[in-house]
Amino acid sequence: MMRAARLSERLIFLLLAAYAVWVIYPMLWVAYSSLKSDAAIYREAFALPPYNALQTENYISAWREAQFGDYLVNSLVVTVVSVVGIVFLGAMAAYALTRFYHPLGRVAFWLFLAGLMIPAQLAVVPLFFELRALGLLNSRVGLIAVYIANGLPFAIFILAGFFRSLPRTLYEAAVIDGCGELAAFWRVLLPLARPGLVTVAVFQFIGIWKEYFFAFMLTSGDVTGGARTLPLGLANLSITAQYRGTSGSLFAGIVLVTLPILLIYLLLQKQIVKGVVAGAVKG
């Protein structure tokens, strides 16, 4: 039995190690290929770049050709404001739906969950005309509104489990101490849901930062670039690389777009694990 258990552990370890290599190596290959010349990428695709001949110009070229400076500002504004709006509104909605009884409360909760089951792409045509009628097409405000509406179902689904699991005695103690409804929410219950808030914020940040479909459909008429985000700049860079053969600049652009996601995950990975585990146990 001991030998069979050890063999099983080794087999699982080998499978996980192979999966890790399969996932991580393409990321590393893109990263070091971004420091190679285009000729070296095609001639020796898997070789490491020479240390004394690193092509840092690829990053400068990607930054200029794809207008990454302007698009980076747009992505930061759209992503940060959208994530704050999703967490703020999602926390209040989840708290209200789990703490207060109303005959239509359950219906409202399931309507929010329906947003997770119905692909948002099905609503892009009426959404396009609605934003145009409101004058929000090709604008950061319109894009933020769409992202907040699209992210609320996930936020409410995750945070409802946290608020539902909190003992009601905490709320009652806060009321006895003189807290009103709003004060009890902000000072007592909301801080206890911090793992869920961080989990929602990180997942929404990653999803919005790399989102392409809505950004393309709702800002395609923006000729000034005032609302276009990084994924659109990366798509333009990909088209340019296809015809000019500038793969090094394309890989550099991929690294620039991916780096913030990796940094956010590395900085908050403990909080993400706590949130996922707590949600699994409490849900």
Protein backbone atom coordinates (compact mmCIF):
# COMPACT_ATOMS: atom_id res chain seq x y z
CA MET A 1 0.00 0.00 0.00
CA MET A 2 2.83 2.40 0.87
CA ARG A 3 4.59 1.69 -2.41
CA ALA A 4 1.36 2.25 -4.37
CA ALA A 5 0.76 5.53 -2.52
CA ARG A 6 4.29 6.76 -3.26
CA LEU A 7 3.94 5.77 -6.91
CA SER A 8 0.66 7.65 -7.12
CA GLU A 9 2.23 10.76 -5.53
CA ARG A 10 5.15 10.65 -7.97
CA LEU A 11 2.80 10.24 -10.91
CA ILE A 12 0.71 13.20 -9.77
CA PHE A 13 3.87 15.27 -9.28
CA LEU A 14 5.10 14.44 -12.79
CA LEU A 15 1.73 15.33 -14.29
CA LEU A 16 1.61 18.65 -12.43
CA ALA A 17 5.22 19.43 -13.37
CA ALA A 18 4.49 18.67 -17.04
CA TYR A 19 1.41 20.89 -16.90
CA ALA A 20 3.43 23.70 -15.28
CA VAL A 21 6.06 23.50 -18.02
CA TRP A 22 3.35 23.45 -20.68
CA VAL A 23 1.79 26.63 -19.21
CA ILE A 24 4.89 28.56 -18.14
CA TYR A 25 7.29 27.90 -21.03
CA PRO A 26 5.23 29.73 -23.71
CA MET A 27 5.19 32.78 -21.43
CA LEU A 28 8.95 32.61 -20.96
CA TRP A 29 9.46 32.08 -24.69
CA VAL A 30 7.47 35.22 -25.50
CA ALA A 31 9.39 37.16 -22.83
CA TYR A 32 12.89 36.31 -24.10
CA SER A 33 11.83 36.43 -27.75
CA SER A 34 10.84 40.07 -27.19
CA LEU A 35 14.56 40.77 -26.67
CA LYS A 36 15.65 39.17 -29.95
CA SER A 37 15.88 40.59 -33.44
CA ASP A 38 13.30 39.53 -36.01
CA ALA A 39 15.93 37.60 -37.95
CA ALA A 40 16.99 35.71 -34.82
CA ILE A 41 13.38 34.85 -33.98
CA TYR A 42 12.88 33.18 -37.37
CA ARG A 43 16.37 31.69 -37.60
CA GLU A 44 16.68 30.31 -34.05
CA ALA A 45 13.19 30.40 -32.64
CA PHE A 46 13.89 28.65 -29.33
CA ALA A 47 17.40 29.94 -28.63
CA LEU A 48 18.00 32.46 -25.88
CA PRO A 49 18.93 35.98 -26.96
CA PRO A 50 22.63 36.92 -26.74
CA TYR A 51 23.29 38.77 -23.52
CA ASN A 52 25.37 41.44 -25.26
CA ALA A 53 22.80 42.01 -28.02
CA LEU A 54 19.44 42.40 -26.29
CA GLN A 55 16.96 44.16 -28.56
CA THR A 56 15.37 46.56 -26.09
CA GLU A 57 14.37 48.64 -29.11
CA ASN A 58 11.46 46.25 -29.57
CA TYR A 59 9.77 47.75 -26.50
CA ILE A 60 10.35 51.29 -27.74
CA SER A 61 8.93 50.36 -31.13
CA ALA A 62 5.88 48.68 -29.59
CA TRP A 63 5.27 51.66 -27.32
CA ARG A 64 5.36 54.11 -30.23
CA GLU A 65 3.74 52.16 -33.07
CA ALA A 66 0.79 50.86 -31.03
CA GLN A 67 0.35 54.16 -29.12
CA PHE A 68 0.72 52.22 -25.90
CA GLY A 69 1.20 55.43 -23.91
CA ASP A 70 -2.31 56.72 -24.69
CA TYR A 71 -3.92 53.29 -24.58
CA LEU A 72 -2.27 52.54 -21.23
CA VAL A 73 -3.89 55.58 -19.65
CA ASN A 74 -7.28 54.58 -21.08
CA SER A 75 -6.90 51.01 -19.81
CA LEU A 76 -5.89 52.17 -16.34
CA VAL A 77 -8.82 54.60 -16.05
CA VAL A 78 -11.39 52.18 -17.45
CA THR A 79 -10.15 49.19 -15.45
CA VAL A 80 -9.68 50.91 -12.09
CA VAL A 81 -12.99 52.81 -12.19
CA SER A 82 -14.85 49.70 -13.38
CA VAL A 83 -13.36 47.48 -10.66
CA VAL A 84 -14.13 50.04 -7.94
CA GLY A 85 -17.70 50.36 -9.23
CA ILE A 86 -18.18 46.59 -9.40
CA VAL A 87 -16.86 45.99 -5.88
CA PHE A 88 -18.76 48.95 -4.41
CA LEU A 89 -22.14 48.22 -6.01
CA GLY A 90 -21.72 44.45 -5.80
CA ALA A 91 -21.01 44.56 -2.07
CA MET A 92 -24.04 46.70 -1.33
CA ALA A 93 -26.33 44.63 -3.56
CA ALA A 94 -25.09 41.33 -2.11
CA TYR A 95 -25.52 42.63 1.44
CA ALA A 96 -29.05 43.85 0.75
CA LEU A 97 -30.09 40.63 -0.98
CA THR A 98 -28.77 38.41 1.82
CA ARG A 99 -29.60 40.46 4.92
CA PHE A 100 -33.09 41.80 4.20
CA TYR A 101 -36.20 39.88 3.35
CA HIS A 102 -38.37 41.01 0.48
CA PRO A 103 -40.83 38.95 -1.58
CA LEU A 104 -38.96 39.85 -4.76
CA GLY A 105 -35.49 39.59 -3.23
CA ARG A 106 -34.97 36.01 -4.33
CA VAL A 107 -36.19 36.85 -7.82
CA ALA A 108 -33.76 39.76 -8.03
CA PHE A 109 -30.90 37.51 -6.88
CA TRP A 110 -31.64 34.93 -9.59
CA LEU A 111 -31.96 37.67 -12.20
CA PHE A 112 -28.44 38.77 -11.33
CA LEU A 113 -27.23 35.18 -11.56
CA ALA A 114 -28.83 34.90 -14.99
CA GLY A 115 -26.16 37.33 -16.13
CA LEU A 116 -23.60 34.58 -15.53
CA MET A 117 -25.48 32.09 -17.67
CA ILE A 118 -26.36 34.28 -20.66
CA PRO A 119 -23.42 35.30 -22.90
CA ALA A 120 -23.03 39.06 -22.81
CA GLN A 121 -22.14 39.05 -26.52
CA LEU A 122 -25.79 38.36 -27.32
CA ALA A 123 -26.67 41.86 -26.11
CA VAL A 124 -24.00 43.73 -28.06
CA VAL A 125 -26.33 44.91 -30.84
CA PRO A 126 -29.03 46.52 -28.62
CA LEU A 127 -26.24 47.72 -26.33
CA PHE A 128 -24.56 49.45 -29.25
CA PHE A 129 -27.72 51.35 -30.22
CA GLU A 130 -28.54 52.20 -26.60
CA LEU A 131 -25.11 53.71 -25.97
CA ARG A 132 -25.36 55.63 -29.22
CA ALA A 133 -28.74 57.04 -28.19
CA LEU A 134 -27.28 58.12 -24.83
CA GLY A 135 -24.22 59.68 -26.47
CA LEU A 136 -21.86 57.27 -24.68
CA LEU A 137 -20.56 55.42 -27.72
CA ASN A 138 -16.79 55.69 -28.32
CA SER A 139 -16.26 56.99 -24.80
CA ARG A 140 -14.61 55.74 -21.64
CA VAL A 141 -17.78 56.43 -19.66
CA GLY A 142 -19.82 54.12 -21.87
CA LEU A 143 -17.18 51.40 -21.70
CA ILE A 144 -17.02 51.68 -17.90
CA ALA A 145 -20.81 51.42 -17.62
CA VAL A 146 -20.81 48.25 -19.74
CA TYR A 147 -18.01 46.65 -17.74
CA ILE A 148 -19.70 47.43 -14.41
CA ALA A 149 -23.00 45.97 -15.59
CA ASN A 150 -21.21 42.91 -16.96
CA GLY A 151 -19.22 42.34 -13.76
CA LEU A 152 -21.98 42.78 -11.18
CA PRO A 153 -23.46 39.24 -11.48
CA PHE A 154 -20.11 37.63 -10.64
CA ALA A 155 -19.47 40.06 -7.77
CA ILE A 156 -22.92 39.51 -6.26
CA PHE A 157 -22.61 35.74 -6.60
CA ILE A 158 -19.26 35.65 -4.75
CA LEU A 159 -20.01 38.28 -2.09
CA ALA A 160 -23.49 36.96 -1.28
CA GLY A 161 -21.87 33.78 0.02
CA PHE A 162 -19.61 35.78 2.33
CA PHE A 163 -22.36 37.97 3.75
CA ARG A 164 -24.70 35.02 4.14
CA SER A 165 -22.11 33.15 6.22
CA LEU A 166 -21.46 36.01 8.66
CA PRO A 167 -23.22 35.50 12.03
CA ARG A 168 -26.19 37.77 12.56
CA THR A 169 -24.98 38.32 16.12
CA LEU A 170 -22.26 40.61 14.72
CA TYR A 171 -24.88 42.83 13.16
CA GLU A 172 -26.97 42.81 16.31
CA ALA A 173 -23.94 43.70 18.45
CA ALA A 174 -23.12 46.62 16.14
CA VAL A 175 -26.70 47.89 16.41
CA ILE A 176 -26.60 47.62 20.20
CA ASP A 177 -23.38 49.64 20.22
CA GLY A 178 -25.19 52.45 18.42
CA CYS A 179 -24.39 51.74 14.78
CA GLY A 180 -27.03 52.42 12.19
CA GLU A 181 -27.66 50.17 9.22
CA LEU A 182 -25.07 51.88 7.04
CA ALA A 183 -22.47 52.10 9.81
CA ALA A 184 -22.88 48.41 10.65
CA PHE A 185 -22.33 47.56 6.99
CA TRP A 186 -19.25 49.74 6.48
CA ARG A 187 -17.54 49.29 9.84
CA VAL A 188 -18.36 45.72 10.83
CA LEU A 189 -19.60 43.45 8.04
CA LEU A 190 -17.76 44.83 5.01
CA PRO A 191 -14.25 44.44 6.53
CA LEU A 192 -15.05 40.81 7.36
CA ALA A 193 -15.78 40.19 3.67
CA ARG A 194 -12.33 41.47 2.64
CA PRO A 195 -11.15 38.14 1.13
CA GLY A 196 -14.19 38.11 -1.12
CA LEU A 197 -13.72 41.76 -2.08
CA VAL A 198 -10.09 41.17 -3.04
CA THR A 199 -10.99 38.04 -5.01
CA VAL A 200 -13.69 39.88 -6.95
CA ALA A 201 -11.41 42.87 -7.56
CA VAL A 202 -8.53 40.77 -8.88
CA PHE A 203 -10.64 38.60 -11.17
CA GLN A 204 -12.48 41.63 -12.53
CA PHE A 205 -9.22 43.53 -13.02
CA ILE A 206 -7.76 40.68 -15.06
CA GLY A 207 -10.94 40.26 -17.10
CA ILE A 208 -11.38 43.96 -17.89
CA TRP A 209 -7.68 44.63 -18.51
CA LYS A 210 -7.51 42.05 -21.29
CA GLU A 211 -11.07 42.45 -22.59
CA TYR A 212 -11.20 42.97 -26.34
CA PHE A 213 -14.71 42.28 -27.67
CA PHE A 214 -16.66 45.11 -26.05
CA ALA A 215 -13.73 47.51 -26.38
CA PHE A 216 -13.61 46.84 -30.12
CA MET A 217 -17.36 46.93 -30.74
CA LEU A 218 -18.07 50.03 -28.64
CA THR A 219 -15.02 52.16 -29.51
CA SER A 220 -14.43 51.20 -33.15
CA GLY A 221 -15.50 54.68 -34.25
CA ASP A 222 -13.07 56.45 -31.94
CA VAL A 223 -10.62 57.97 -34.43
CA THR A 224 -8.84 60.06 -31.78
CA GLY A 225 -7.95 57.10 -29.56
CA GLY A 226 -9.43 58.75 -26.47
CA ALA A 227 -11.24 55.58 -25.38
CA ARG A 228 -9.30 52.75 -27.00
CA THR A 229 -7.60 50.33 -24.62
CA LEU A 230 -4.43 48.24 -24.68
CA PRO A 231 -5.94 45.08 -26.23
CA LEU A 232 -6.93 47.16 -29.27
CA GLY A 233 -3.41 48.57 -29.50
CA LEU A 234 -2.02 45.05 -29.30
CA ALA A 235 -4.37 43.94 -32.09
CA ASN A 236 -3.11 46.80 -34.27
CA LEU A 237 0.44 45.78 -33.47
CA SER A 238 -0.36 42.19 -34.45
CA ILE A 239 -1.69 43.31 -37.84
CA THR A 240 1.41 45.43 -38.38
CA ALA A 241 3.70 42.56 -37.43
CA GLN A 242 1.90 40.25 -39.85
CA TYR A 243 2.75 42.42 -42.85
CA ARG A 244 6.08 43.88 -41.75
CA GLY A 245 7.48 40.82 -40.03
CA THR A 246 8.18 42.73 -36.79
CA SER A 247 7.58 39.84 -34.42
CA GLY A 248 9.95 41.22 -31.81
CA SER A 249 7.78 44.31 -31.34
CA LEU A 250 4.67 42.14 -31.15
CA PHE A 251 6.19 39.99 -28.40
CA ALA A 252 7.27 43.14 -26.57
CA GLY A 253 3.69 44.43 -26.75
CA ILE A 254 2.39 41.14 -25.34
CA VAL A 255 4.81 41.44 -22.42
CA LEU A 256 3.75 45.04 -21.74
CA VAL A 257 0.07 44.06 -21.67
CA THR A 258 0.61 40.92 -19.57
CA LEU A 259 3.05 42.34 -17.02
CA PRO A 260 0.46 44.29 -14.92
CA ILE A 261 -1.69 41.16 -14.63
CA LEU A 262 1.26 39.11 -13.37
CA LEU A 263 2.26 41.81 -10.89
CA ILE A 264 -1.27 42.10 -9.50
CA TYR A 265 -1.50 38.34 -9.11
CA LEU A 266 1.92 38.01 -7.44
CA LEU A 267 1.16 40.82 -5.00
CA LEU A 268 -2.29 39.54 -4.05
CA GLN A 269 -1.99 35.78 -4.54
CA LYS A 270 -2.35 35.05 -0.81
CA GLN A 271 -5.52 37.10 -0.64
CA ILE A 272 -6.87 35.34 -3.73
CA VAL A 273 -6.25 31.90 -2.20
CA LYS A 274 -7.87 32.97 1.07
CA GLY A 275 -10.88 34.33 -0.78
CA VAL A 276 -11.36 31.26 -2.95
CA VAL A 277 -10.92 28.84 -0.02
CA ALA A 278 -13.20 30.87 2.25
CA GLY A 279 -15.82 31.09 -0.47
CA ALA A 280 -15.65 27.36 -1.06
CA VAL A 281 -16.02 26.60 2.65
CA LYS A 282 -18.67 29.22 3.40
CA GLY A 283 -20.69 28.77 0.23
